[in-house]
């Protein structure tokens, strides 16, 4: 359970850094979202999940 809380905390740190260091980039990305199809979003999401699982597997394995 503590590892889950650490993971959530790290996610919030990274998310906060993106907003703090590159707010204009975040704004441009938000403006571009309506132009991305649902299929592309699902593909990017699935790729992110696979990469995240791979990273955790490498670190924990």
N, C-alpha and C. Protein backbone atom coordinates (compact mmCIF):
# COMPACT_ATOMS: atom_id res chain seq x y z
N UNK A 1 0.82 -1.20 0.00
CA UNK A 1 0.00 0.00 0.00
C UNK A 1 0.87 1.26 0.00
N UNK A 2 1.99 1.21 0.72
CA UNK A 2 2.85 2.39 0.77
C UNK A 2 3.48 2.66 -0.60
N UNK A 3 3.75 1.59 -1.37
CA UNK A 3 4.30 1.79 -2.71
C UNK A 3 3.30 2.49 -3.62
N UNK A 4 2.02 2.18 -3.45
CA UNK A 4 0.99 2.85 -4.23
C UNK A 4 0.96 4.34 -3.90
N UNK A 5 1.05 4.68 -2.64
CA UNK A 5 1.05 6.08 -2.24
C UNK A 5 2.30 6.81 -2.76
N UNK A 6 3.43 6.13 -2.75
CA UNK A 6 4.65 6.71 -3.31
C UNK A 6 4.47 6.96 -4.81
N UNK A 7 3.86 5.99 -5.51
CA UNK A 7 3.63 6.15 -6.94
C UNK A 7 2.70 7.32 -7.22
N UNK A 8 1.65 7.46 -6.46
CA UNK A 8 0.73 8.59 -6.63
C UNK A 8 1.45 9.90 -6.35
N UNK A 9 2.24 9.93 -5.30
CA UNK A 9 3.01 11.13 -4.98
C UNK A 9 3.97 11.51 -6.09
N UNK A 10 4.67 10.53 -6.64
CA UNK A 10 5.60 10.81 -7.74
C UNK A 10 4.85 11.30 -8.98
N UNK A 11 3.70 10.71 -9.26
CA UNK A 11 2.89 11.18 -10.37
C UNK A 11 2.52 12.65 -10.18
N UNK A 12 2.10 13.03 -8.98
CA UNK A 12 1.73 14.41 -8.70
C UNK A 12 2.92 15.35 -8.82
N UNK A 13 4.09 14.90 -8.40
CA UNK A 13 5.30 15.71 -8.54
C UNK A 13 5.59 15.97 -10.01
N UNK A 14 5.57 14.91 -10.81
CA UNK A 14 5.87 15.06 -12.24
C UNK A 14 4.82 15.93 -12.92
N UNK A 15 3.56 15.69 -12.63
CA UNK A 15 2.48 16.49 -13.21
C UNK A 15 2.63 17.95 -12.81
N UNK A 16 2.93 18.20 -11.56
CA UNK A 16 3.11 19.57 -11.10
C UNK A 16 4.30 20.25 -11.76
N UNK A 17 5.38 19.51 -11.97
CA UNK A 17 6.54 20.08 -12.64
C UNK A 17 6.22 20.49 -14.07
N UNK A 18 5.43 19.68 -14.76
CA UNK A 18 5.06 20.02 -16.13
C UNK A 18 4.29 21.34 -16.15
N UNK A 19 3.32 21.48 -15.27
CA UNK A 19 2.54 22.72 -15.21
C UNK A 19 3.38 23.90 -14.76
N UNK A 20 4.30 23.68 -13.85
CA UNK A 20 5.11 24.78 -13.34
C UNK A 20 6.19 25.23 -14.33
N UNK A 21 6.79 24.28 -15.04
CA UNK A 21 7.91 24.61 -15.91
C UNK A 21 7.51 24.92 -17.35
N UNK A 22 6.36 24.40 -17.79
CA UNK A 22 5.98 24.59 -19.19
C UNK A 22 4.48 24.83 -19.35
N UNK A 23 3.94 25.88 -18.73
CA UNK A 23 2.49 26.09 -18.82
C UNK A 23 2.01 26.36 -20.25
N UNK A 24 2.81 27.04 -21.06
CA UNK A 24 2.38 27.30 -22.44
C UNK A 24 2.32 26.00 -23.25
N UNK A 25 3.22 25.07 -22.99
CA UNK A 25 3.18 23.77 -23.66
C UNK A 25 1.91 23.03 -23.29
N UNK A 26 1.55 23.04 -22.01
CA UNK A 26 0.33 22.37 -21.56
C UNK A 26 -0.89 22.99 -22.23
N UNK A 27 -0.90 24.31 -22.32
CA UNK A 27 -2.02 25.00 -22.96
C UNK A 27 -2.13 24.61 -24.44
N UNK A 28 -1.00 24.57 -25.14
CA UNK A 28 -1.02 24.17 -26.56
C UNK A 28 -1.49 22.73 -26.73
N UNK A 29 -1.05 21.85 -25.83
CA UNK A 29 -1.49 20.46 -25.89
C UNK A 29 -3.00 20.35 -25.65
N UNK A 30 -3.52 21.12 -24.72
CA UNK A 30 -4.96 21.10 -24.45
C UNK A 30 -5.75 21.61 -25.65
N UNK A 31 -5.21 22.59 -26.34
CA UNK A 31 -5.89 23.11 -27.53
C UNK A 31 -5.85 22.10 -28.68
N UNK A 32 -4.83 21.25 -28.72
CA UNK A 32 -4.70 20.27 -29.79
C UNK A 32 -5.54 19.01 -29.55
N UNK A 33 -5.99 18.79 -28.33
CA UNK A 33 -6.73 17.56 -28.00
C UNK A 33 -7.97 17.34 -28.85
N UNK A 34 -8.78 18.35 -29.14
CA UNK A 34 -9.98 18.08 -29.95
C UNK A 34 -9.66 17.58 -31.37
N UNK A 35 -8.46 17.82 -31.85
CA UNK A 35 -8.08 17.39 -33.20
C UNK A 35 -7.62 15.94 -33.24
N UNK A 36 -7.39 15.33 -32.08
CA UNK A 36 -6.91 13.96 -32.01
C UNK A 36 -8.12 13.03 -31.93
N UNK A 37 -8.13 12.00 -32.76
CA UNK A 37 -9.25 11.07 -32.77
C UNK A 37 -9.24 10.19 -31.52
N UNK A 38 -10.41 9.60 -31.23
CA UNK A 38 -10.50 8.69 -30.08
C UNK A 38 -9.57 7.50 -30.26
N UNK A 39 -9.46 7.01 -31.47
CA UNK A 39 -8.58 5.86 -31.73
C UNK A 39 -7.12 6.22 -31.46
N UNK A 40 -6.69 7.42 -31.84
CA UNK A 40 -5.32 7.85 -31.57
C UNK A 40 -5.10 7.99 -30.06
N UNK A 41 -6.09 8.55 -29.36
CA UNK A 41 -5.97 8.72 -27.91
C UNK A 41 -5.84 7.36 -27.22
N UNK A 42 -6.67 6.40 -27.67
CA UNK A 42 -6.58 5.05 -27.09
C UNK A 42 -5.21 4.43 -27.36
N UNK A 43 -4.70 4.63 -28.56
CA UNK A 43 -3.38 4.09 -28.90
C UNK A 43 -2.29 4.70 -28.04
N UNK A 44 -2.32 6.03 -27.87
CA UNK A 44 -1.33 6.70 -27.02
C UNK A 44 -1.46 6.23 -25.58
N UNK A 45 -2.70 6.10 -25.11
CA UNK A 45 -2.93 5.64 -23.74
C UNK A 45 -2.42 4.24 -23.52
N UNK A 46 -2.71 3.35 -24.47
CA UNK A 46 -2.24 1.98 -24.36
C UNK A 46 -0.72 1.91 -24.41
N UNK A 47 -0.11 2.71 -25.26
CA UNK A 47 1.35 2.75 -25.32
C UNK A 47 1.94 3.24 -23.99
N UNK A 48 1.31 4.25 -23.39
CA UNK A 48 1.79 4.77 -22.10
C UNK A 48 1.66 3.71 -21.01
N UNK A 49 0.55 2.98 -21.01
CA UNK A 49 0.36 1.91 -20.02
C UNK A 49 1.42 0.83 -20.19
N UNK A 50 1.64 0.42 -21.43
CA UNK A 50 2.65 -0.62 -21.69
C UNK A 50 4.04 -0.16 -21.27
N UNK A 51 4.37 1.08 -21.59
CA UNK A 51 5.68 1.60 -21.20
C UNK A 51 5.80 1.68 -19.68
N UNK A 52 4.75 2.13 -19.01
CA UNK A 52 4.77 2.20 -17.55
C UNK A 52 4.93 0.84 -16.91
N UNK A 53 4.21 -0.15 -17.42
CA UNK A 53 4.34 -1.52 -16.90
C UNK A 53 5.76 -2.03 -17.13
N UNK A 54 6.31 -1.75 -18.30
CA UNK A 54 7.69 -2.17 -18.60
C UNK A 54 8.69 -1.53 -17.62
N UNK A 55 8.54 -0.24 -17.38
CA UNK A 55 9.45 0.46 -16.46
C UNK A 55 9.36 -0.15 -15.06
N UNK A 56 8.14 -0.36 -14.57
CA UNK A 56 7.96 -0.93 -13.23
C UNK A 56 8.55 -2.34 -13.20
N UNK A 57 8.30 -3.12 -14.25
CA UNK A 57 8.84 -4.48 -14.32
C UNK A 57 10.37 -4.48 -14.28
N UNK A 58 10.99 -3.55 -15.01
CA UNK A 58 12.45 -3.47 -15.03
C UNK A 58 13.00 -3.06 -13.65
N UNK A 59 12.34 -2.12 -13.02
CA UNK A 59 12.81 -1.65 -11.73
C UNK A 59 12.62 -2.69 -10.64
N UNK A 60 11.46 -3.34 -10.65
CA UNK A 60 11.15 -4.31 -9.59
C UNK A 60 11.74 -5.69 -9.87
N UNK A 61 12.02 -5.99 -11.15
CA UNK A 61 12.49 -7.33 -11.51
C UNK A 61 13.91 -7.50 -11.19
